[in-house]
Amino acid sequence: MIKIKQERKLINGFRALNIKGDNIECRKDVLVIKTPEGYDFNMDIEKDGTISIWSNSLELHVDNEV
C-alpha cells in the first residue's frame, strides 16, 4: 500500500507529495508508479488542489459503474 499526503509547501508551482509505502518514504512533485510490465502512471496535485493522473504508456479510463 502507498499512502500519499499533500504537503503545504509548493515546489515548481505544484504541491509536493509526501509518499510513504513499503520500504519507501520521500517527498516528490509527481508520484510515478511503474508496473513490472513497463507501464507507468503519474499523479500530481496542482496549485488549486486539482489532482492530475496520466500515463505515457497506456490510455486511462474511468470506471463509471462503481
Protein backbone atom coordinates (compact mmCIF):
# COMPACT_ATOMS: atom_id res chain seq x y z
CA MET A 1 0.00 0.00 0.00
CA ILE A 2 1.19 3.52 -0.78
CA LYS A 3 -0.01 6.46 1.32
CA ILE A 4 0.15 9.97 -0.13
CA LYS A 5 -0.26 13.23 1.78
CA GLN A 6 -0.34 16.67 0.24
CA GLU A 7 2.37 19.00 1.55
CA ARG A 8 1.64 22.68 2.07
CA LYS A 9 4.92 23.86 0.59
CA LEU A 10 4.84 24.30 -3.18
CA ILE A 11 7.63 23.02 -5.44
CA ASN A 12 7.75 24.41 -9.00
CA GLY A 13 4.17 25.70 -8.69
CA PHE A 14 2.71 22.35 -7.63
CA ARG A 15 2.03 20.92 -4.19
CA ALA A 16 4.62 18.40 -3.11
CA LEU A 17 3.54 14.87 -2.25
CA ASN A 18 4.73 13.10 0.89
CA ILE A 19 4.84 9.45 -0.24
CA LYS A 20 5.10 6.52 2.17
CA GLY A 21 5.00 2.85 1.35
CA ASP A 22 6.79 -0.43 1.89
CA ASN A 23 10.48 0.48 2.30
CA ILE A 24 9.99 3.98 0.86
CA GLU A 25 9.45 7.47 2.20
CA CYS A 26 10.07 10.51 0.04
CA ARG A 27 8.80 13.93 -1.00
CA LYS A 28 8.22 14.48 -4.74
CA ASP A 29 6.45 16.78 -7.17
CA VAL A 30 4.96 13.82 -9.07
CA LEU A 31 4.24 10.28 -7.92
CA VAL A 32 5.32 7.80 -10.62
CA ILE A 33 4.12 4.20 -10.33
CA LYS A 34 5.77 1.66 -12.64
CA THR A 35 4.43 -1.85 -13.20
CA PRO A 36 6.58 -4.94 -13.89
CA GLU A 37 5.19 -4.89 -17.46
CA GLY A 38 6.76 -1.46 -18.03
CA TYR A 39 3.63 0.68 -17.78
CA ASP A 40 3.76 3.95 -15.87
CA PHE A 41 1.15 6.03 -14.05
CA ASN A 42 1.79 9.60 -12.88
CA MET A 43 -0.05 11.72 -10.32
CA ASP A 44 0.38 15.28 -9.15
CA ILE A 45 -1.61 17.97 -7.31
CA GLU A 46 -1.80 21.41 -8.91
CA LYS A 47 -1.76 24.75 -7.07
CA ASP A 48 -5.57 24.88 -6.95
CA GLY A 49 -5.78 21.35 -5.50
CA THR A 50 -6.70 19.62 -8.77
CA ILE A 51 -5.36 16.06 -8.91
CA SER A 52 -3.98 15.07 -12.32
CA ILE A 53 -3.41 11.42 -13.24
CA TRP A 54 -1.89 10.35 -16.57
CA SER A 55 0.13 7.64 -18.25
CA ASN A 56 2.68 7.89 -21.06
CA SER A 57 2.25 4.20 -21.87
CA LEU A 58 -1.50 3.49 -21.52
CA GLU A 59 -4.80 5.17 -22.29
CA LEU A 60 -6.60 5.57 -18.94
CA HIS A 61 -10.34 5.07 -18.49
CA VAL A 62 -12.62 5.85 -15.54
CA ASP A 63 -14.79 3.05 -14.15
CA ASN A 64 -18.17 4.79 -14.11
CA GLU A 65 -20.07 1.72 -12.90
CA VAL A 66 -18.92 1.99 -9.32
